[in-house]
Amino acid sequence: QVQFVESGGGLVQPGGSLRLSCQAPGFSLDYYAIGWFRQVSGNEREGISCISYSVGGSDGSTLYADSVKGRFTISRDNAKNTVYLQLNSLKPEDTAVYYCGANLMRSVCGNQQVEHEYAYWGQGTQVTVSS
């Protein structure tokens, strides 16, 4: 059974940075759009970023939620079978558990992230922004 592994979370002060990693042991991420979501306890999971597949001539296009645009950057390293999410200028409202998943319905990110299109969620990684 495929299960992603998210890592890199932690406690950081407002304005700080973190880099999250998404890995999939035994599963190739190459041809999948990969999305990052976050969830605050009691709330629905929020899609925050997506990166399209990037093999050969494809461009690995990206998508960001308005709440993180300009502060977060998603990237992928196919050689390492890893997708990253760089979190900069963090705010207390970014505090959440962050999850990554593979989009099983499309390999190119659409105009919005739809949670039910994704699978293989891991346990998540906690990001806490607090002074």
N, C-alpha and C. Protein backbone atom coordinates (compact mmCIF):
# COMPACT_ATOMS: atom_id res chain seq x y z
N GLN A 1 0.84 -1.19 0.00
CA GLN A 1 0.00 0.00 0.00
C GLN A 1 0.89 1.25 0.00
N VAL A 2 0.57 2.17 -0.88
CA VAL A 2 1.38 3.37 -1.00
C VAL A 2 0.99 4.36 0.10
N GLN A 3 1.98 4.91 0.74
CA GLN A 3 1.74 5.98 1.70
C GLN A 3 2.90 6.94 1.63
N PHE A 4 2.57 8.19 1.44
CA PHE A 4 3.60 9.21 1.37
C PHE A 4 4.14 9.51 2.76
N VAL A 5 5.33 10.12 2.78
CA VAL A 5 5.97 10.52 4.03
C VAL A 5 6.28 12.00 3.96
N GLU A 6 5.64 12.77 4.82
CA GLU A 6 5.90 14.20 4.92
C GLU A 6 6.87 14.46 6.07
N SER A 7 7.78 15.40 5.87
CA SER A 7 8.73 15.75 6.92
C SER A 7 9.15 17.20 6.79
N GLY A 8 9.83 17.68 7.82
CA GLY A 8 10.39 19.02 7.78
C GLY A 8 9.65 20.06 8.59
N GLY A 9 8.55 19.67 9.20
CA GLY A 9 7.81 20.62 10.02
C GLY A 9 8.54 20.94 11.30
N GLY A 10 7.96 21.87 12.05
CA GLY A 10 8.56 22.24 13.32
C GLY A 10 7.95 23.51 13.86
N LEU A 11 8.59 24.04 14.90
CA LEU A 11 8.17 25.28 15.53
C LEU A 11 9.07 26.41 15.01
N VAL A 12 8.45 27.47 14.53
CA VAL A 12 9.21 28.58 13.97
C VAL A 12 8.54 29.88 14.36
N GLN A 13 9.31 30.94 14.49
CA GLN A 13 8.75 32.25 14.82
C GLN A 13 8.12 32.89 13.59
N PRO A 14 7.20 33.78 13.81
CA PRO A 14 6.63 34.52 12.67
C PRO A 14 7.73 35.16 11.83
N GLY A 15 7.58 35.05 10.53
CA GLY A 15 8.60 35.55 9.61
C GLY A 15 9.66 34.54 9.25
N GLY A 16 9.65 33.41 9.93
CA GLY A 16 10.64 32.38 9.69
C GLY A 16 10.32 31.51 8.48
N SER A 17 11.17 30.50 8.27
CA SER A 17 11.06 29.63 7.10
C SER A 17 11.20 28.16 7.50
N LEU A 18 10.61 27.33 6.68
CA LEU A 18 10.77 25.89 6.79
C LEU A 18 10.74 25.30 5.39
N ARG A 19 11.33 24.12 5.23
CA ARG A 19 11.21 23.40 3.97
C ARG A 19 10.64 22.02 4.27
N LEU A 20 9.49 21.77 3.70
CA LEU A 20 8.84 20.48 3.86
C LEU A 20 9.21 19.56 2.71
N SER A 21 9.29 18.28 3.00
CA SER A 21 9.60 17.28 1.98
C SER A 21 8.48 16.24 1.92
N CYS A 22 8.25 15.77 0.71
CA CYS A 22 7.25 14.73 0.47
C CYS A 22 7.93 13.61 -0.29
N GLN A 23 7.96 12.43 0.31
CA GLN A 23 8.60 11.29 -0.33
C GLN A 23 7.63 10.12 -0.37
N ALA A 24 7.91 9.19 -1.28
CA ALA A 24 7.02 8.05 -1.48
C ALA A 24 7.86 6.79 -1.66
N PRO A 25 8.24 6.16 -0.59
CA PRO A 25 9.07 4.96 -0.69
C PRO A 25 8.46 3.90 -1.57
N GLY A 26 9.22 3.45 -2.58
CA GLY A 26 8.74 2.38 -3.44
C GLY A 26 7.73 2.80 -4.48
N PHE A 27 7.53 4.09 -4.65
CA PHE A 27 6.51 4.60 -5.58
C PHE A 27 7.11 5.79 -6.32
N SER A 28 7.03 5.77 -7.65
CA SER A 28 7.60 6.87 -8.43
C SER A 28 6.61 8.03 -8.53
N LEU A 29 7.08 9.21 -8.20
CA LEU A 29 6.25 10.41 -8.28
C LEU A 29 6.26 11.05 -9.66
N ASP A 30 7.12 10.56 -10.54
CA ASP A 30 7.45 11.27 -11.78
C ASP A 30 6.23 11.73 -12.58
N TYR A 31 5.26 10.88 -12.76
CA TYR A 31 4.17 11.17 -13.70
C TYR A 31 2.91 11.67 -13.02
N TYR A 32 3.04 12.05 -11.77
CA TYR A 32 1.87 12.51 -11.02
C TYR A 32 1.96 14.00 -10.69
N ALA A 33 0.81 14.65 -10.71
CA ALA A 33 0.73 15.95 -10.06
C ALA A 33 0.69 15.69 -8.56
N ILE A 34 1.49 16.44 -7.83
CA ILE A 34 1.58 16.27 -6.39
C ILE A 34 1.07 17.54 -5.71
N GLY A 35 0.23 17.35 -4.73
CA GLY A 35 -0.35 18.50 -4.05
C GLY A 35 0.00 18.52 -2.58
N TRP A 36 0.10 19.72 -2.05
CA TRP A 36 0.23 19.93 -0.61
C TRP A 36 -1.09 20.50 -0.09
N PHE A 37 -1.51 19.95 1.02
CA PHE A 37 -2.71 20.42 1.72
C PHE A 37 -2.33 20.68 3.17
N ARG A 38 -3.16 21.41 3.86
CA ARG A 38 -2.94 21.59 5.29
C ARG A 38 -4.29 21.54 6.00
N GLN A 39 -4.20 21.17 7.27
CA GLN A 39 -5.43 21.01 8.03
C GLN A 39 -5.23 21.47 9.46
N VAL A 40 -6.13 22.30 9.89
CA VAL A 40 -6.21 22.71 11.29
C VAL A 40 -7.28 21.85 11.95
N SER A 41 -7.01 21.38 13.13
CA SER A 41 -7.94 20.50 13.82
C SER A 41 -9.36 21.06 13.80
N GLY A 42 -10.31 20.23 13.35
CA GLY A 42 -11.70 20.64 13.30
C GLY A 42 -12.11 21.28 12.00
N ASN A 43 -11.14 21.56 11.14
CA ASN A 43 -11.44 22.18 9.84
C ASN A 43 -11.20 21.19 8.70
N GLU A 44 -11.71 21.54 7.55
CA GLU A 44 -11.46 20.73 6.36
C GLU A 44 -10.02 20.92 5.88
N ARG A 45 -9.55 19.93 5.14
CA ARG A 45 -8.21 20.03 4.56
C ARG A 45 -8.23 21.08 3.46
N GLU A 46 -7.24 21.96 3.48
CA GLU A 46 -7.14 23.07 2.53
C GLU A 46 -6.02 22.81 1.53
N GLY A 47 -6.33 22.87 0.26
CA GLY A 47 -5.30 22.74 -0.76
C GLY A 47 -4.51 24.03 -0.87
N ILE A 48 -3.19 23.94 -0.80
CA ILE A 48 -2.38 25.15 -0.84
C ILE A 48 -1.43 25.20 -2.01
N SER A 49 -1.04 24.06 -2.58
CA SER A 49 -0.12 24.11 -3.70
C SER A 49 -0.12 22.80 -4.45
N CYS A 50 0.18 22.89 -5.72
CA CYS A 50 0.24 21.71 -6.58
C CYS A 50 1.37 21.91 -7.59
N ILE A 51 2.02 20.81 -7.96
CA ILE A 51 3.02 20.86 -9.02
C ILE A 51 2.72 19.74 -10.00
N SER A 52 2.68 20.09 -11.26
CA SER A 52 2.39 19.12 -12.30
C SER A 52 3.57 18.19 -12.52
N TYR A 53 3.30 17.09 -13.25
CA TYR A 53 4.39 16.19 -13.54
C TYR A 53 5.42 16.91 -14.39
N SER A 54 6.66 16.48 -14.27
CA SER A 54 7.75 17.13 -14.98
C SER A 54 8.72 16.07 -15.48
N VAL A 55 8.38 15.50 -16.62
CA VAL A 55 9.22 14.47 -17.23
C VAL A 55 9.43 14.86 -18.69
N GLY A 56 10.66 14.79 -19.19
CA GLY A 56 10.90 15.17 -20.56
C GLY A 56 10.63 16.64 -20.77
N GLY A 57 9.76 16.97 -21.71
CA GLY A 57 9.52 18.37 -22.03
C GLY A 57 8.42 19.04 -21.25
N SER A 58 7.79 18.35 -20.32
CA SER A 58 6.70 18.97 -19.57
C SER A 58 7.24 20.03 -18.63
N ASP A 59 6.40 21.02 -18.30
CA ASP A 59 6.92 22.20 -17.61
C ASP A 59 6.77 22.19 -16.11
N GLY A 60 6.13 21.16 -15.54
CA GLY A 60 5.98 21.14 -14.11
C GLY A 60 5.27 22.36 -13.58
N SER A 61 4.19 22.75 -14.23
CA SER A 61 3.47 23.96 -13.83
C SER A 61 3.01 23.86 -12.38
N THR A 62 2.82 25.01 -11.76
CA THR A 62 2.49 25.07 -10.35
C THR A 62 1.21 25.87 -10.10
N LEU A 63 0.64 25.62 -8.95
CA LEU A 63 -0.59 26.29 -8.53
C LEU A 63 -0.46 26.61 -7.04
N TYR A 64 -0.92 27.79 -6.66
CA TYR A 64 -0.87 28.19 -5.26
C TYR A 64 -2.21 28.78 -4.82
N ALA A 65 -2.58 28.49 -3.59
CA ALA A 65 -3.72 29.16 -3.02
C ALA A 65 -3.37 30.62 -2.75
N ASP A 66 -4.35 31.48 -2.79
CA ASP A 66 -4.10 32.92 -2.57
C ASP A 66 -3.45 33.15 -1.21
N SER A 67 -3.78 32.33 -0.24
CA SER A 67 -3.29 32.53 1.12
C SER A 67 -1.79 32.32 1.25
N VAL A 68 -1.17 31.64 0.29
CA VAL A 68 0.26 31.35 0.40
C VAL A 68 1.05 31.88 -0.80
N LYS A 69 0.36 32.41 -1.78
CA LYS A 69 1.03 32.88 -3.00
C LYS A 69 2.06 33.95 -2.66
N GLY A 70 3.24 33.80 -3.20
CA GLY A 70 4.32 34.75 -2.95
C GLY A 70 5.16 34.43 -1.73
N ARG A 71 4.68 33.50 -0.92
CA ARG A 71 5.43 33.11 0.29
C ARG A 71 5.90 31.66 0.24
N PHE A 72 5.12 30.80 -0.39
CA PHE A 72 5.46 29.38 -0.47
C PHE A 72 5.90 29.05 -1.90
N THR A 73 6.82 28.10 -2.02
CA THR A 73 7.28 27.66 -3.33
C THR A 73 7.34 26.15 -3.36
N ILE A 74 6.68 25.57 -4.34
CA ILE A 74 6.69 24.12 -4.51
C ILE A 74 7.69 23.76 -5.61
N SER A 75 8.38 22.65 -5.42
CA SER A 75 9.34 22.19 -6.43
C SER A 75 9.43 20.68 -6.34
N ARG A 76 10.06 20.09 -7.34
CA ARG A 76 10.23 18.64 -7.32
C ARG A 76 11.60 18.27 -7.85
N ASP A 77 12.14 17.20 -7.32
CA ASP A 77 13.44 16.65 -7.75
C ASP A 77 13.17 15.19 -8.08
N ASN A 78 13.01 14.93 -9.37
CA ASN A 78 12.67 13.56 -9.78
C ASN A 78 13.80 12.59 -9.45
N ALA A 79 15.03 13.04 -9.49
CA ALA A 79 16.16 12.16 -9.19
C ALA A 79 16.09 11.67 -7.74
N LYS A 80 15.56 12.51 -6.87
CA LYS A 80 15.42 12.15 -5.47
C LYS A 80 14.02 11.66 -5.13
N ASN A 81 13.15 11.65 -6.15
CA ASN A 81 11.77 11.21 -5.94
C ASN A 81 11.13 11.96 -4.76
N THR A 82 11.31 13.27 -4.79
CA THR A 82 10.88 14.11 -3.67
C THR A 82 10.24 15.39 -4.19
N VAL A 83 9.19 15.80 -3.52
CA VAL A 83 8.58 17.10 -3.78
C VAL A 83 8.77 17.95 -2.52
N TYR A 84 9.12 19.20 -2.73
CA TYR A 84 9.40 20.10 -1.63
C TYR A 84 8.36 21.23 -1.57
N LEU A 85 8.19 21.75 -0.39
CA LEU A 85 7.40 22.98 -0.22
C LEU A 85 8.20 23.90 0.68
N GLN A 86 8.72 24.98 0.08
CA GLN A 86 9.46 25.98 0.83
C GLN A 86 8.48 26.98 1.42
N LEU A 87 8.51 27.14 2.72
CA LEU A 87 7.60 28.04 3.41
C LEU A 87 8.40 29.23 3.92
N ASN A 88 8.15 30.40 3.40
CA ASN A 88 8.82 31.63 3.84
C ASN A 88 7.80 32.60 4.42
N SER A 89 8.31 33.57 5.16
CA SER A 89 7.47 34.62 5.75
C SER A 89 6.27 34.01 6.46
N LEU A 90 6.54 33.05 7.28
CA LEU A 90 5.46 32.31 7.94
C LEU A 90 4.69 33.18 8.91
N LYS A 91 3.40 32.90 8.99
CA LYS A 91 2.47 33.63 9.85
C LYS A 91 1.82 32.66 10.83
N PRO A 92 1.34 33.15 11.95
CA PRO A 92 0.66 32.24 12.89
C PRO A 92 -0.49 31.47 12.25
N GLU A 93 -1.16 32.07 11.29
CA GLU A 93 -2.28 31.39 10.63
C GLU A 93 -1.84 30.27 9.70
N ASP A 94 -0.54 30.12 9.49
CA ASP A 94 -0.03 28.98 8.72
C ASP A 94 0.10 27.73 9.58
N THR A 95 -0.11 27.86 10.87
CA THR A 95 -0.03 26.72 11.77
C THR A 95 -1.06 25.67 11.39
N ALA A 96 -0.58 24.46 11.14
CA ALA A 96 -1.45 23.37 10.69
C ALA A 96 -0.60 22.10 10.54
N VAL A 97 -1.28 21.00 10.28
CA VAL A 97 -0.60 19.78 9.85
C VAL A 97 -0.61 19.80 8.32
N TYR A 98 0.55 19.61 7.74
CA TYR A 98 0.71 19.67 6.28
C TYR A 98 0.84 18.25 5.72
N TYR A 99 0.08 18.01 4.66
CA TYR A 99 0.03 16.70 4.02
C TYR A 99 0.35 16.85 2.53
N CYS A 100 0.90 15.78 1.95
CA CYS A 100 1.05 15.74 0.50
C CYS A 100 0.35 14.50 -0.03
N GLY A 101 -0.05 14.57 -1.29
CA GLY A 101 -0.74 13.46 -1.91
C GLY A 101 -0.55 13.49 -3.41
N ALA A 102 -0.83 12.38 -4.06
CA ALA A 102 -0.75 12.28 -5.51
C ALA A 102 -2.14 12.44 -6.11
N ASN A 103 -2.21 13.23 -7.18
CA ASN A 103 -3.49 13.37 -7.87
C ASN A 103 -3.66 12.20 -8.81
N LEU A 104 -4.67 11.39 -8.57
CA LEU A 104 -4.89 10.19 -9.37
C LEU A 104 -5.78 10.46 -10.59
N MET A 105 -6.24 11.69 -10.75
CA MET A 105 -7.16 12.00 -11.85
C MET A 105 -6.51 12.88 -12.92
N ARG A 106 -5.41 13.50 -12.58
CA ARG A 106 -4.75 14.37 -13.56
C ARG A 106 -3.27 14.46 -13.25
N SER A 107 -2.47 14.64 -14.28
CA SER A 107 -1.03 14.80 -14.07
C SER A 107 -0.61 16.25 -14.17
N VAL A 108 -1.54 17.11 -14.57
CA VAL A 108 -1.30 18.54 -14.63
C VAL A 108 -2.28 19.22 -13.69
N CYS A 109 -1.76 20.10 -12.85
CA CYS A 109 -2.60 20.78 -11.88
C CYS A 109 -3.71 21.56 -12.58
N GLY A 110 -4.91 21.46 -12.04
CA GLY A 110 -6.01 22.24 -12.57
C GLY A 110 -6.02 23.64 -11.99
N ASN A 111 -7.14 24.31 -12.11
CA ASN A 111 -7.25 25.68 -11.60
C ASN A 111 -7.49 25.73 -10.10
N GLN A 112 -7.85 24.60 -9.54
CA GLN A 112 -8.02 24.52 -8.10
C GLN A 112 -7.74 23.10 -7.66
N GLN A 113 -7.47 22.95 -6.37
CA GLN A 113 -7.18 21.62 -5.85
C GLN A 113 -8.44 21.03 -5.24
N VAL A 114 -8.73 19.82 -5.65
CA VAL A 114 -9.91 19.11 -5.17
C VAL A 114 -9.44 17.91 -4.37
N GLU A 115 -9.74 17.90 -3.10
CA GLU A 115 -9.16 16.90 -2.21
C GLU A 115 -9.46 15.48 -2.67
N HIS A 116 -10.65 15.19 -3.15
CA HIS A 116 -10.98 13.80 -3.47
C HIS A 116 -10.23 13.28 -4.70
N GLU A 117 -9.52 14.16 -5.40
CA GLU A 117 -8.71 13.70 -6.53
C GLU A 117 -7.37 13.13 -6.05
N TYR A 118 -7.05 13.33 -4.78
CA TYR A 118 -5.74 12.96 -4.26
C TYR A 118 -5.83 11.72 -3.38
N ALA A 119 -4.69 11.02 -3.31
CA ALA A 119 -4.61 9.82 -2.48
C ALA A 119 -3.19 9.66 -1.95
N TYR A 120 -3.03 8.63 -1.16
CA TYR A 120 -1.73 8.22 -0.62
C TYR A 120 -1.23 9.19 0.45
N TRP A 121 -2.15 9.79 1.18
CA TRP A 121 -1.76 10.72 2.24
C TRP A 121 -0.87 10.04 3.26
N GLY A 122 0.10 10.82 3.77
CA GLY A 122 0.92 10.33 4.85
C GLY A 122 0.35 10.76 6.19
N GLN A 123 1.18 10.71 7.20
CA GLN A 123 0.77 11.10 8.56
C GLN A 123 0.79 12.61 8.75
N GLY A 124 1.41 13.29 7.83
CA GLY A 124 1.49 14.74 7.93
C GLY A 124 2.66 15.20 8.78
N THR A 125 2.97 16.48 8.64
CA THR A 125 4.03 17.08 9.45
C THR A 125 3.50 18.39 10.04
N GLN A 126 3.70 18.56 11.32
CA GLN A 126 3.13 19.70 12.03
C GLN A 126 4.01 20.94 11.83
N VAL A 127 3.38 22.02 11.44
CA VAL A 127 4.03 23.32 11.36
C VAL A 127 3.36 24.23 12.37
N THR A 128 4.15 24.78 13.27
CA THR A 128 3.63 25.69 14.29
C THR A 128 4.40 27.00 14.20
N VAL A 129 3.67 28.07 13.98
CA VAL A 129 4.27 29.40 13.88
C VAL A 129 3.83 30.20 15.09
N SER A 130 4.78 30.48 15.96
CA SER A 130 4.46 31.15 17.20
C SER A 130 5.70 31.83 17.77
N SER A 131 5.49 32.95 18.41
CA SER A 131 6.59 33.63 19.08
C SER A 131 6.69 33.19 20.54
